[in-house]
Structure formats: structure tokens, C-alpha cells
Amino acid sequence: MPFTRYFYYQKGTPGDVEWKRKIKERLTPARDIGVYDAYGKEGWNDEVVVGAKESEPENQVEALLRDAEVEVQAGEQEVVKKEVVQKPMPRVTEADRVGDTRSLDRRLQRTLYLVVKEGKQGRWWFPSDGLVGKESLHTAAERIIVHAGGVNMNTWVVGNVPLGHFILNHGTSKEDKERPQGLRGEKFFFMKGRIMAGQASLKDNKFGLSDFQWLAKDEIQKLLVPRDWNAVKNILAER
């Protein structure tokens, strides 16, 4: 059905004037599928052909940016100029290309989580520690972030209620036997935190951590042992 501009713009309004200017430039109502005349012989051909340049994301971005440009005229005698719209930054960064998992400037469309390595031969896990005295989970989370990642991270612990928890019962393995006597198991509570600025540093960490990474959910699955992954897979965000 041919596009009817008067359904969207009343005659003589600024929107109508801007529409007339843009339709004169692009020769079609569509902003990103090329020239199309609904009243011409090719009126039936109103879809982008597979493989055409108009179907490429880069071409569509350029078309939308050109369409977003507006004409600016300071006075009656001034020359009309176009106000250029800045092009969005690419979603793929240098950290993505080189695989730098210590950088926060990667996988910009996904939520990244801080995971740390406990000792040189230890397991990968989230920063964690036991409660000290009568401190709350919120206070403990703030302390653990500083003790694990340093003071150069501007962080915000969201809320006082944990996202989830899991219970780890100690067995008879060598690792479990080395734990303090009388400790039959542990309860892990997961608190949600946001990093606003800065970066983690393990230089003066108090937990003997040897490495850290910022990973998305699918990357964490490859790093954790099955027991730990099953405990957190329903807590982590997909995006």
C-alpha cells in the first residue's frame, strides 16, 4: 500500500516540511532499503533482494545517519548547513579482537562477571570469603570486592538480598580433609554488584588470588567445574 504522509504529518507543519525535504533527497519513504516508487512499474518490488548492498548492516547504518542529518539556518541571509550526526562506535573492540579477557572493554552487548583464580593451581570462582562477626551480606560483599580486586574499582552492591545461594557439603576428598575440623559444609550467597569505573587489581589482594577475568555467562560455563556451574547457571544473566 503506498505511503500516505498526511496520515503522519498535517500540511504546513514542521514535520511536513522536513518530510518534503527528505523525500526530495532520498526519493523514497524508506530510509534503508534503497529507492522505491510505490506508484511506478516496480511498485510490487518492495523488498530488499538477498545479497544486495542495502541488506548489509553497515549500509543501513550509513543510510540512517544520512537521514538523521538536519538543516540549520541561523538567519535569513545565512547559508543553510547540515548538522552532521556522529557515527556510533563499533560494537567489536580491540579487546575482542585480541581476546583480552582482563579488559572490561569487550563483548559490549553482554553482562561481564568478575571471576578469580584461587592460588596458582586453584579453581576459578567468584570473589568470596566468610562472614566476619555480625556483618551483613551487603557489608561482606563490599569488603570482599575491595580485598579481592583492590580499591581502584568504583563499585555498587545492589540491595541487601542475595540473588541466590547454594550449599556445599564437604566429602572425604583430600581437599575437604584439609579444611578446618568441624566444618561440614559451606553456604554461598551471591550478591549482585555493579562496577561503575576502574579496574580490578590483584596486587594487594588478601585471598591469595593469582589471576582474574571478566567473562560472560557462556565463557564462565567453560571455566567452572560442573558442580560449580550447576550452582550458578540460573543466577547469571543471559545478556
Protein backbone atom coordinates (compact mmCIF):
# COMPACT_ATOMS: atom_id res chain seq x y z
CA MET A 1 0.00 0.00 0.00
CA PRO A 2 1.51 3.39 -0.97
CA PHE A 3 2.81 5.51 1.88
CA THR A 4 0.46 8.40 2.75
CA ARG A 5 2.33 11.16 4.50
CA TYR A 6 -0.77 13.09 5.55
CA PHE A 7 -1.62 10.25 7.90
CA TYR A 8 1.50 11.22 9.87
CA TYR A 9 2.04 14.91 9.05
CA GLN A 10 -0.52 17.69 8.68
CA LYS A 11 0.01 20.13 5.82
CA GLY A 12 2.24 23.07 6.59
CA THR A 13 3.59 21.69 9.86
CA PRO A 14 7.37 21.46 10.54
CA GLY A 15 7.12 17.70 10.21
CA ASP A 16 5.55 18.04 6.76
CA VAL A 17 8.26 20.49 5.64
CA GLU A 18 11.01 18.15 6.88
CA TRP A 19 9.34 15.20 5.13
CA LYS A 20 9.27 17.05 1.80
CA ARG A 21 12.96 17.90 2.13
CA LYS A 22 13.97 14.32 2.91
CA ILE A 23 11.80 12.68 0.25
CA LYS A 24 13.38 15.01 -2.29
CA GLU A 25 16.84 13.78 -1.28
CA ARG A 26 16.28 10.06 -0.90
CA LEU A 27 13.45 9.64 -3.46
CA THR A 28 11.70 7.06 -1.28
CA PRO A 29 9.89 6.86 2.07
CA ALA A 30 12.20 4.09 3.25
CA ARG A 31 15.45 5.13 4.87
CA ASP A 32 17.49 1.99 4.41
CA ILE A 33 16.21 -0.17 1.51
CA GLY A 34 17.15 2.00 -1.45
CA VAL A 35 14.98 3.88 -3.95
CA TYR A 36 11.41 2.63 -4.25
CA ASP A 37 8.43 4.13 -6.09
CA ALA A 38 5.10 2.70 -4.95
CA TYR A 39 3.33 4.22 -7.97
CA GLY A 40 5.82 3.06 -10.62
CA LYS A 41 6.11 -0.10 -12.67
CA GLU A 42 8.23 -1.67 -9.94
CA GLY A 43 5.70 -0.91 -7.20
CA TRP A 44 5.37 -4.61 -6.43
CA ASN A 45 9.10 -4.94 -5.79
CA ASP A 46 9.10 -3.58 -2.24
CA GLU A 47 11.55 -5.98 -0.55
CA VAL A 48 15.32 -5.99 -0.31
CA VAL A 49 16.94 -8.61 -2.55
CA VAL A 50 19.16 -11.16 -0.83
CA GLY A 51 22.80 -10.18 -1.30
CA ALA A 52 22.04 -6.55 -2.20
CA LYS A 53 24.18 -3.86 -0.60
CA GLU A 54 21.05 -2.41 1.02
CA SER A 55 20.84 -5.56 3.18
CA GLU A 56 24.28 -5.02 4.70
CA PRO A 57 24.22 -3.62 8.28
CA GLU A 58 26.95 -1.08 7.50
CA ASN A 59 24.99 0.30 4.56
CA GLN A 60 21.85 0.56 6.68
CA VAL A 61 23.72 2.45 9.41
CA GLU A 62 25.09 4.93 6.86
CA ALA A 63 21.60 5.44 5.39
CA LEU A 64 20.08 6.07 8.82
CA LEU A 65 22.84 8.55 9.70
CA ARG A 66 22.32 10.49 6.48
CA ASP A 67 18.60 10.57 7.14
CA ALA A 68 19.14 11.89 10.68
CA GLU A 69 21.02 14.94 9.41
CA VAL A 70 19.05 18.18 9.72
CA GLU A 71 19.49 21.54 8.00
CA VAL A 72 20.39 24.50 10.22
CA GLN A 73 19.94 28.15 9.20
CA ALA A 74 20.92 30.87 11.68
CA GLY A 75 19.24 33.74 9.83
CA GLU A 76 17.58 34.65 6.55
CA GLN A 77 20.88 35.60 4.92
CA GLU A 78 22.84 32.67 6.35
CA VAL A 79 23.75 29.67 4.23
CA VAL A 80 21.84 26.53 5.09
CA LYS A 81 24.16 23.92 6.61
CA LYS A 82 23.63 20.33 7.56
CA GLU A 83 24.26 19.27 11.12
CA VAL A 84 26.27 16.05 10.86
CA VAL A 85 25.28 13.15 13.11
CA GLN A 86 28.13 11.29 14.79
CA LYS A 87 28.56 7.67 13.78
CA PRO A 88 28.10 5.15 16.63
CA MET A 89 31.20 3.43 17.90
CA PRO A 90 31.70 -0.18 16.71
CA ARG A 91 30.45 -2.98 18.94
CA VAL A 92 33.62 -5.03 18.36
CA THR A 93 36.61 -3.61 20.24
CA GLU A 94 40.35 -4.22 20.18
CA ALA A 95 39.98 -6.35 23.33
CA ASP A 96 37.54 -8.57 21.41
CA ARG A 97 39.96 -8.97 18.52
CA VAL A 98 42.94 -9.93 20.68
CA GLY A 99 40.93 -11.96 23.22
CA ASP A 100 41.86 -9.84 26.26
CA THR A 101 39.59 -11.30 28.95
CA ARG A 102 41.01 -8.97 31.60
CA SER A 103 39.52 -5.96 29.84
CA LEU A 104 36.03 -4.62 30.52
CA ASP A 105 36.05 -3.10 27.04
CA ARG A 106 34.85 -6.30 25.35
CA ARG A 107 31.61 -8.09 24.47
CA LEU A 108 29.76 -4.81 24.95
CA GLN A 109 26.36 -6.41 24.35
CA ARG A 110 26.79 -8.88 27.23
CA THR A 111 26.98 -8.73 31.02
CA LEU A 112 30.51 -9.50 32.26
CA TYR A 113 31.27 -11.08 35.64
CA LEU A 114 34.47 -10.96 37.66
CA VAL A 115 35.93 -14.42 38.25
CA VAL A 116 39.18 -15.04 40.12
CA LYS A 117 41.64 -17.90 40.42
CA GLU A 118 42.31 -19.16 43.93
CA GLY A 119 46.05 -19.76 44.07
CA LYS A 120 48.25 -20.79 41.15
CA GLN A 121 46.67 -24.25 40.83
CA GLY A 122 43.31 -23.42 42.39
CA ARG A 123 39.84 -23.31 40.91
CA TRP A 124 38.16 -20.40 39.15
CA TRP A 125 35.36 -18.89 41.20
CA PHE A 126 33.74 -15.60 42.13
CA PRO A 127 35.37 -13.43 44.83
CA SER A 128 34.25 -14.92 48.13
CA ASP A 129 35.02 -15.08 51.84
CA GLY A 130 33.36 -15.98 55.11
CA LEU A 131 31.34 -13.54 57.19
CA VAL A 132 33.26 -11.65 59.86
CA GLY A 133 31.45 -11.26 63.15
CA LYS A 134 27.90 -9.99 62.72
CA GLU A 135 28.39 -8.21 59.40
CA SER A 136 25.54 -8.34 56.90
CA LEU A 137 25.76 -9.92 53.45
CA HIS A 138 25.76 -6.43 51.90
CA THR A 139 28.67 -5.26 54.06
CA ALA A 140 30.55 -8.51 53.47
CA ALA A 141 30.14 -8.14 49.69
CA GLU A 142 31.61 -4.62 49.80
CA ARG A 143 34.56 -5.83 51.88
CA ILE A 144 35.23 -8.85 49.67
CA ILE A 145 35.26 -6.74 46.49
CA VAL A 146 37.90 -4.43 47.96
CA HIS A 147 40.01 -7.23 49.44
CA ALA A 148 39.91 -9.19 46.19
CA GLY A 149 40.02 -6.57 43.43
CA GLY A 150 41.62 -3.61 45.15
CA VAL A 151 40.46 -0.06 45.82
CA ASN A 152 40.64 1.16 42.23
CA MET A 153 37.16 -0.16 41.40
CA ASN A 154 34.18 2.13 41.90
CA THR A 155 31.53 -0.46 42.73
CA TRP A 156 27.95 -0.53 43.96
CA VAL A 157 26.43 -3.54 45.72
CA VAL A 158 22.77 -3.67 44.70
CA GLY A 159 20.38 -4.38 47.56
CA ASN A 160 20.63 -6.44 50.72
CA VAL A 161 19.04 -9.65 49.47
CA PRO A 162 21.16 -12.29 47.66
CA LEU A 163 20.34 -13.36 44.11
CA GLY A 164 20.64 -16.96 45.15
CA HIS A 165 22.64 -19.43 47.18
CA PHE A 166 23.89 -22.98 47.19
CA ILE A 167 25.05 -25.42 49.86
CA LEU A 168 28.33 -27.27 49.51
CA ASN A 169 28.61 -30.37 51.68
CA HIS A 170 32.19 -31.44 52.32
CA GLY A 171 33.06 -35.00 51.48
CA THR A 172 36.09 -37.19 52.03
CA SER A 173 38.35 -35.84 49.29
CA LYS A 174 41.88 -34.65 50.04
CA GLU A 175 40.80 -31.04 49.58
CA ASP A 176 37.93 -31.45 52.02
CA LYS A 177 40.14 -33.14 54.62
CA GLU A 178 42.45 -30.12 54.62
CA ARG A 179 39.61 -27.82 55.67
CA PRO A 180 39.25 -26.78 59.36
CA GLN A 181 37.98 -29.57 61.59
CA GLY A 182 34.28 -29.41 62.34
CA LEU A 183 33.47 -27.61 59.07
CA ARG A 184 30.97 -29.99 57.48
CA GLY A 185 29.93 -27.69 54.64
CA GLU A 186 29.56 -24.14 53.36
CA LYS A 187 26.73 -21.91 52.23
CA PHE A 188 27.47 -19.49 49.38
CA PHE A 189 25.26 -16.40 48.98
CA PHE A 190 25.54 -14.48 45.71
CA MET A 191 25.21 -10.70 45.92
CA LYS A 192 24.75 -8.50 42.86
CA GLY A 193 27.25 -5.69 42.30
CA ARG A 194 27.97 -3.16 39.57
CA ILE A 195 31.32 -1.69 38.59
CA MET A 196 30.93 1.97 37.62
CA ALA A 197 34.56 2.75 36.81
CA GLY A 198 38.09 1.48 37.34
CA GLN A 199 39.60 -1.98 37.04
CA ALA A 200 40.44 -4.94 39.25
CA SER A 201 43.97 -5.38 40.59
CA LEU A 202 45.22 -8.42 42.50
CA LYS A 203 48.45 -6.78 43.62
CA ASP A 204 47.50 -6.48 47.30
CA ASN A 205 44.60 -8.95 47.48
CA LYS A 206 44.09 -10.70 50.80
CA PHE A 207 42.86 -14.05 49.49
CA GLY A 208 45.94 -15.37 47.67
CA LEU A 209 44.32 -14.88 44.25
CA SER A 210 46.62 -15.31 41.26
CA ASP A 211 44.51 -14.23 38.27
CA PHE A 212 41.21 -12.68 37.24
CA GLN A 213 38.99 -12.42 34.18
CA TRP A 214 35.84 -10.55 33.11
CA LEU A 215 33.65 -13.17 31.44
CA ALA A 216 30.15 -13.56 30.05
CA LYS A 217 27.88 -16.42 31.10
CA ASP A 218 28.79 -18.71 28.20
CA GLU A 219 32.51 -18.19 28.90
CA ILE A 220 32.07 -18.93 32.61
CA GLN A 221 30.47 -22.26 31.78
CA LYS A 222 33.68 -23.37 30.04
CA LEU A 223 35.82 -22.35 33.02
CA LEU A 224 33.95 -23.70 36.05
CA VAL A 225 33.77 -27.32 37.12
CA PRO A 226 30.31 -28.91 36.57
CA ARG A 227 29.38 -28.73 40.27
CA ASP A 228 30.04 -25.00 40.47
CA TRP A 229 28.40 -24.28 37.11
CA ASN A 230 25.19 -26.07 38.08
CA ALA A 231 25.04 -23.89 41.20
CA VAL A 232 25.22 -20.55 39.34
CA LYS A 233 23.85 -21.15 35.83
CA ASN A 234 20.34 -19.98 36.74
CA ILE A 235 21.62 -16.89 38.56
CA LEU A 236 23.71 -15.35 35.78
CA ALA A 237 22.08 -13.16 33.14
CA GLU A 238 21.93 -14.43 29.55
CA ARG A 239 22.70 -11.00 28.10
